[in-house]
Amino acid sequence: MNTTVLAVALFSRLLNKMENVQALAQQNIKQKRVWEVDFLRGFCMLFVIWDHLMFDFTFLFSFSTPIGQLISNFATDYWNSGIRNATHDYFVGAFVVTSGLSCIFSRNDFKKSLKVLGVGLLITLVTNGFASEMGRGIIINFGVLHMLGMCGLVWAVLKSFNCPNWLVGVLAIACLVVGYYFQAQDLTEFVGAIWLFESKRALGWSPGDFWPLLPWLGWFFAGVLVGNLVYKNKITKFACVNEKYLSPVTFVGRHSLLFYLASQALGIGLLFVLTEVGLL
């Protein structure tokens, strides 16, 4: 009898340990970052940084040295190339969609969005402050960070009201249709919020970088919808992939805000110094 009781007790303890191990494994899976989202965001951010660097070499500075002129000519050829024209909107769209998708993993959308918007406003102050020395071409009054911050705040409000997926989809389509329609009209005389639509007037107001709220809010909502449908369990869909081989790109994706800010500050600042001392 005692032997039977002891065996039952040992078996019960073994089952409890197995359940604890299984629960811990499930917890580790859920806590593991969804690496493919970081990778896509990092890949798109590298394109954004590259594109801005080519813009700086093409429009912001005059180069007096052979190497500076060579790089400037390359940047100009790239900027006007069919490759950029064919790929730019796809990279930009993927970046905004990924930013919206990432909201599903955010603990506090309000805090995150205010942080992004705050950094954008800091860039506005800095670029306007140096415009007298470096020209109006560096001014960023409503760039990618302003746009993403505004999109995040709009979504945070909708999320607080438990916005259903079908409504997110409807809003995404509406923003895309309205945004692209008015973009085609080029509302130069639009007297409302200049950052709402793309126009020649808006591009002149924020020449260094300009991302209007519409239609990009639509792509942001599309990303939110994809996240809600595909990543509702917040688990990677590619667990079999060894992500360490992609870690340089995923690292950029995890710290995309820092990389964007550093590329803007260091890129423009370094080019300014190098041209002033005659090295470029």
Protein backbone atom coordinates (compact mmCIF):
# COMPACT_ATOMS: atom_id res chain seq x y z
CA MET A 1 0.00 0.00 0.00
CA ASN A 2 2.77 2.41 0.96
CA THR A 3 4.61 1.56 -2.25
CA THR A 4 1.51 2.37 -4.32
CA VAL A 5 1.00 5.71 -2.57
CA LEU A 6 4.66 6.58 -3.08
CA ALA A 7 4.49 5.71 -6.78
CA VAL A 8 1.36 7.83 -7.25
CA ALA A 9 3.00 10.76 -5.45
CA LEU A 10 6.14 10.51 -7.57
CA PHE A 11 4.10 10.27 -10.77
CA SER A 12 2.03 13.32 -9.75
CA ARG A 13 5.18 15.31 -9.01
CA LEU A 14 6.64 14.31 -12.40
CA LEU A 15 3.49 15.51 -14.17
CA ASN A 16 3.65 18.85 -12.34
CA LYS A 17 7.27 19.33 -13.39
CA MET A 18 6.42 18.52 -17.01
CA GLU A 19 3.57 21.04 -16.95
CA ASN A 20 5.88 23.69 -15.50
CA VAL A 21 8.51 23.04 -18.17
CA GLN A 22 5.87 23.23 -20.92
CA ALA A 23 4.45 26.47 -19.51
CA LEU A 24 7.95 27.96 -19.30
CA ALA A 25 8.65 26.96 -22.91
CA GLN A 26 5.42 28.57 -24.08
CA GLN A 27 6.29 31.71 -22.13
CA ASN A 28 9.74 31.86 -23.75
CA ILE A 29 8.19 31.51 -27.21
CA LYS A 30 5.79 34.37 -26.55
CA GLN A 31 8.53 36.55 -25.11
CA LYS A 32 10.82 35.94 -28.11
CA ARG A 33 10.80 38.83 -30.56
CA VAL A 34 9.14 38.30 -33.90
CA TRP A 35 12.39 38.62 -35.82
CA GLU A 36 10.86 38.89 -39.30
CA VAL A 37 9.17 42.17 -38.37
CA ASP A 38 12.47 43.56 -37.07
CA PHE A 39 14.20 42.38 -40.25
CA LEU A 40 11.69 44.00 -42.60
CA ARG A 41 11.71 47.25 -40.62
CA GLY A 42 15.52 47.26 -40.53
CA PHE A 43 15.82 46.53 -44.26
CA CYS A 44 13.42 49.35 -45.10
CA MET A 45 15.18 51.70 -42.68
CA LEU A 46 18.50 51.04 -44.42
CA PHE A 47 16.85 52.06 -47.69
CA VAL A 48 15.46 55.24 -46.08
CA ILE A 49 18.93 56.12 -44.75
CA TRP A 50 20.50 55.44 -48.16
CA ASP A 51 17.86 57.53 -49.92
CA HIS A 52 18.39 60.46 -47.56
CA LEU A 53 22.15 60.26 -48.03
CA MET A 54 21.75 60.39 -51.81
CA PHE A 55 19.43 63.40 -51.36
CA ASP A 56 22.08 65.17 -49.27
CA PHE A 57 24.78 64.58 -51.89
CA THR A 58 22.45 65.67 -54.70
CA PHE A 59 20.77 68.78 -53.34
CA LEU A 60 22.28 70.10 -50.11
CA PHE A 61 25.97 70.59 -50.78
CA SER A 62 28.37 71.82 -53.46
CA PHE A 63 31.55 69.76 -53.76
CA SER A 64 34.88 71.17 -54.90
CA THR A 65 37.08 68.07 -54.88
CA PRO A 66 37.15 65.32 -57.55
CA ILE A 67 35.99 62.66 -55.09
CA GLY A 68 33.17 64.88 -53.84
CA GLN A 69 32.01 65.64 -57.37
CA LEU A 70 32.24 61.95 -58.29
CA ILE A 71 30.01 60.96 -55.37
CA SER A 72 27.65 63.84 -56.11
CA ASN A 73 27.32 62.78 -59.75
CA PHE A 74 26.63 59.20 -58.68
CA ALA A 75 23.99 60.39 -56.19
CA THR A 76 22.35 62.59 -58.84
CA ASP A 77 22.26 59.73 -61.34
CA TYR A 78 20.71 57.48 -58.70
CA TRP A 79 18.14 60.11 -57.69
CA ASN A 80 16.95 60.51 -61.28
CA SER A 81 17.24 56.83 -62.20
CA GLY A 82 14.46 54.51 -63.19
CA ILE A 83 15.56 52.10 -60.46
CA ARG A 84 14.75 54.60 -57.73
CA ASN A 85 11.51 55.65 -59.37
CA ALA A 86 10.45 52.00 -59.65
CA THR A 87 11.41 50.90 -56.12
CA HIS A 88 11.04 53.97 -53.92
CA ASP A 89 7.29 53.78 -53.27
CA TYR A 90 7.46 50.05 -52.57
CA PHE A 91 10.15 50.47 -49.93
CA VAL A 92 8.36 53.43 -48.38
CA GLY A 93 5.04 51.59 -48.36
CA ALA A 94 6.62 48.49 -46.79
CA PHE A 95 8.26 50.64 -44.11
CA VAL A 96 4.97 52.31 -43.14
CA VAL A 97 3.06 49.01 -43.22
CA THR A 98 5.70 47.44 -40.97
CA SER A 99 5.45 50.38 -38.57
CA GLY A 100 1.71 49.84 -38.31
CA LEU A 101 2.17 46.09 -37.88
CA SER A 102 4.62 46.72 -35.03
CA CYS A 103 1.87 48.41 -33.01
CA ILE A 104 0.50 45.00 -32.05
CA PHE A 105 3.70 44.39 -30.05
CA SER A 106 3.68 47.80 -28.35
CA ARG A 107 2.71 48.01 -24.68
CA ASN A 108 1.86 51.72 -24.82
CA ASP A 109 1.05 53.19 -28.23
CA PHE A 110 0.52 56.69 -26.82
CA LYS A 111 3.94 56.81 -25.17
CA LYS A 112 5.73 55.32 -28.17
CA SER A 113 4.04 57.68 -30.64
CA LEU A 114 4.67 60.77 -28.53
CA LYS A 115 8.35 59.79 -28.33
CA VAL A 116 8.59 59.45 -32.12
CA LEU A 117 6.72 62.73 -32.66
CA GLY A 118 8.93 64.47 -30.10
CA VAL A 119 12.09 63.41 -31.92
CA GLY A 120 10.51 64.64 -35.16
CA LEU A 121 9.83 68.05 -33.62
CA LEU A 122 13.43 68.17 -32.39
CA ILE A 123 14.60 67.59 -35.96
CA THR A 124 12.31 70.44 -37.06
CA LEU A 125 13.92 72.83 -34.56
CA VAL A 126 17.45 71.82 -35.51
CA THR A 127 16.96 71.97 -39.28
CA ASN A 128 15.22 75.34 -39.10
CA GLY A 129 17.99 76.63 -36.85
CA PHE A 130 20.72 75.71 -39.34
CA ALA A 131 18.80 76.72 -42.45
CA SER A 132 20.39 80.18 -42.55
CA GLU A 133 23.86 78.60 -42.83
CA MET A 134 23.10 75.49 -44.88
CA GLY A 135 20.10 76.58 -46.95
CA ARG A 136 16.37 75.87 -46.77
CA GLY A 137 16.88 72.49 -48.38
CA ILE A 138 17.63 70.90 -45.00
CA ILE A 139 14.36 72.00 -43.36
CA ILE A 140 12.16 69.12 -42.20
CA ASN A 141 8.84 70.41 -40.90
CA PHE A 142 6.90 67.19 -41.42
CA GLY A 143 9.09 64.22 -42.20
CA VAL A 144 8.80 60.49 -41.67
CA LEU A 145 8.92 60.73 -37.87
CA HIS A 146 6.19 63.37 -37.72
CA MET A 147 4.01 61.21 -39.95
CA LEU A 148 4.62 57.99 -38.01
CA GLY A 149 4.05 59.76 -34.69
CA MET A 150 0.73 61.16 -35.89
CA CYS A 151 -0.32 57.79 -37.32
CA GLY A 152 0.53 56.10 -34.03
CA LEU A 153 -1.48 58.62 -32.01
CA VAL A 154 -4.51 58.19 -34.28
CA TRP A 155 -4.29 54.43 -33.89
CA ALA A 156 -3.82 54.71 -30.11
CA VAL A 157 -7.10 56.62 -29.87
CA LEU A 158 -8.94 54.08 -32.04
CA LYS A 159 -7.41 51.19 -30.11
CA SER A 160 -8.66 52.65 -26.83
CA PHE A 161 -12.19 52.28 -28.23
CA ASN A 162 -11.52 48.64 -29.25
CA CYS A 163 -11.73 49.44 -32.96
CA PRO A 164 -12.76 46.23 -34.81
CA ASN A 165 -10.69 44.85 -37.68
CA TRP A 166 -13.37 45.50 -40.29
CA LEU A 167 -13.38 49.20 -39.40
CA VAL A 168 -9.56 49.32 -39.56
CA GLY A 169 -9.80 47.92 -43.09
CA VAL A 170 -12.44 50.46 -44.11
CA LEU A 171 -10.38 53.33 -42.71
CA ALA A 172 -7.27 52.07 -44.51
CA ILE A 173 -9.04 52.03 -47.87
CA ALA A 174 -10.64 55.43 -47.26
CA CYS A 175 -7.31 57.06 -46.34
CA LEU A 176 -5.60 55.57 -49.40
CA VAL A 177 -8.32 56.63 -51.82
CA VAL A 178 -8.63 60.17 -50.44
CA GLY A 179 -4.87 60.62 -50.09
CA TYR A 180 -3.94 59.50 -53.59
CA TYR A 181 -6.85 61.39 -55.14
CA PHE A 182 -5.88 64.72 -53.62
CA GLN A 183 -2.19 64.03 -54.25
CA ALA A 184 -3.00 63.79 -57.95
CA GLN A 185 -4.88 67.11 -57.78
CA ASP A 186 -1.79 68.91 -56.34
CA LEU A 187 -3.72 71.15 -53.96
CA THR A 188 -1.20 73.99 -53.98
CA GLU A 189 -3.84 76.41 -52.74
CA PHE A 190 -5.09 74.11 -49.98
CA VAL A 191 -5.60 76.35 -46.93
CA GLY A 192 -6.00 73.60 -44.36
CA ALA A 193 -3.29 71.59 -42.62
CA ILE A 194 -0.41 71.73 -45.09
CA TRP A 195 0.93 68.40 -43.80
CA LEU A 196 -2.26 66.53 -44.70
CA PHE A 197 -1.70 66.06 -48.46
CA GLU A 198 1.28 66.18 -50.81
CA SER A 199 1.54 69.29 -53.00
CA LYS A 200 4.22 71.55 -54.44
CA ARG A 201 3.48 74.03 -51.67
CA ALA A 202 3.92 71.35 -49.01
CA LEU A 203 7.17 70.12 -50.56
CA GLY A 204 8.46 73.69 -50.45
CA TRP A 205 7.41 73.99 -46.81
CA SER A 206 9.33 70.84 -45.81
CA PRO A 207 11.94 70.37 -48.56
CA GLY A 208 14.35 68.20 -46.58
CA ASP A 209 11.81 65.43 -46.08
CA PHE A 210 8.03 65.37 -46.43
CA TRP A 211 5.63 62.51 -45.76
CA PRO A 212 1.99 63.69 -45.74
CA LEU A 213 -0.43 62.09 -43.31
CA LEU A 214 -2.57 60.96 -46.24
CA PRO A 215 -2.26 58.51 -47.91
CA TRP A 216 0.36 57.06 -45.52
CA LEU A 217 -2.12 56.72 -42.66
CA GLY A 218 -3.92 54.23 -44.89
CA TRP A 219 -0.81 52.08 -45.27
CA PHE A 220 -0.24 52.34 -41.52
CA PHE A 221 -3.77 51.05 -40.87
CA ALA A 222 -3.12 48.25 -43.38
CA GLY A 223 -0.12 47.21 -41.28
CA VAL A 224 -2.22 47.28 -38.11
CA LEU A 225 -4.78 45.03 -39.78
CA VAL A 226 -2.10 42.57 -40.92
CA GLY A 227 -0.69 42.49 -37.40
CA ASN A 228 -4.08 41.86 -35.82
CA LEU A 229 -4.86 39.03 -38.23
CA VAL A 230 -1.48 37.34 -38.69
CA TYR A 231 0.29 37.99 -35.37
CA LYS A 232 -2.58 37.96 -32.89
CA ASN A 233 -0.63 35.41 -30.80
CA LYS A 234 2.55 37.53 -31.10
CA ILE A 235 4.64 34.53 -32.17
CA THR A 236 7.10 34.39 -35.07
CA LYS A 237 5.92 32.61 -38.21
CA PHE A 238 9.46 31.54 -39.09
CA ALA A 239 10.72 29.83 -35.94
CA CYS A 240 12.79 27.39 -38.03
CA VAL A 241 15.03 30.20 -39.34
CA ASN A 242 18.28 30.87 -37.49
CA GLU A 243 17.95 34.60 -37.08
CA LYS A 244 21.52 35.18 -35.89
CA TYR A 245 22.68 35.31 -39.52
CA LEU A 246 20.32 38.23 -40.06
CA SER A 247 21.16 39.96 -36.79
CA PRO A 248 22.82 43.08 -38.33
CA VAL A 249 19.59 43.97 -40.13
CA THR A 250 17.29 42.97 -37.26
CA PHE A 251 19.45 45.09 -34.92
CA VAL A 252 18.76 48.11 -37.12
CA GLY A 253 15.07 47.23 -37.06
CA ARG A 254 14.96 47.02 -33.28
CA HIS A 255 16.61 50.44 -32.99
CA SER A 256 15.23 52.09 -36.13
CA LEU A 257 14.47 55.42 -34.43
CA LEU A 258 18.03 55.74 -33.16
CA PHE A 259 19.51 54.81 -36.54
CA TYR A 260 17.30 57.30 -38.38
CA LEU A 261 18.17 60.13 -35.99
CA ALA A 262 21.89 59.31 -36.10
CA SER A 263 21.92 59.11 -39.88
CA GLN A 264 20.25 62.51 -40.19
CA ALA A 265 22.47 64.25 -37.66
CA LEU A 266 25.76 62.56 -38.52
CA GLY A 267 25.14 62.48 -42.26
CA ILE A 268 24.38 66.16 -42.70
CA GLY A 269 26.82 67.28 -40.01
CA LEU A 270 29.70 65.23 -41.39
CA LEU A 271 29.09 66.38 -44.96
CA PHE A 272 28.95 69.99 -43.80
CA VAL A 273 32.30 69.70 -42.00
CA LEU A 274 34.00 67.85 -44.86
CA THR A 275 32.86 70.40 -47.44
CA GLU A 276 33.85 73.33 -45.23
CA VAL A 277 37.41 72.04 -44.74
CA GLY A 278 37.73 71.18 -48.42
CA LEU A 279 37.88 67.40 -48.17
CA LEU A 280 34.80 66.91 -50.37
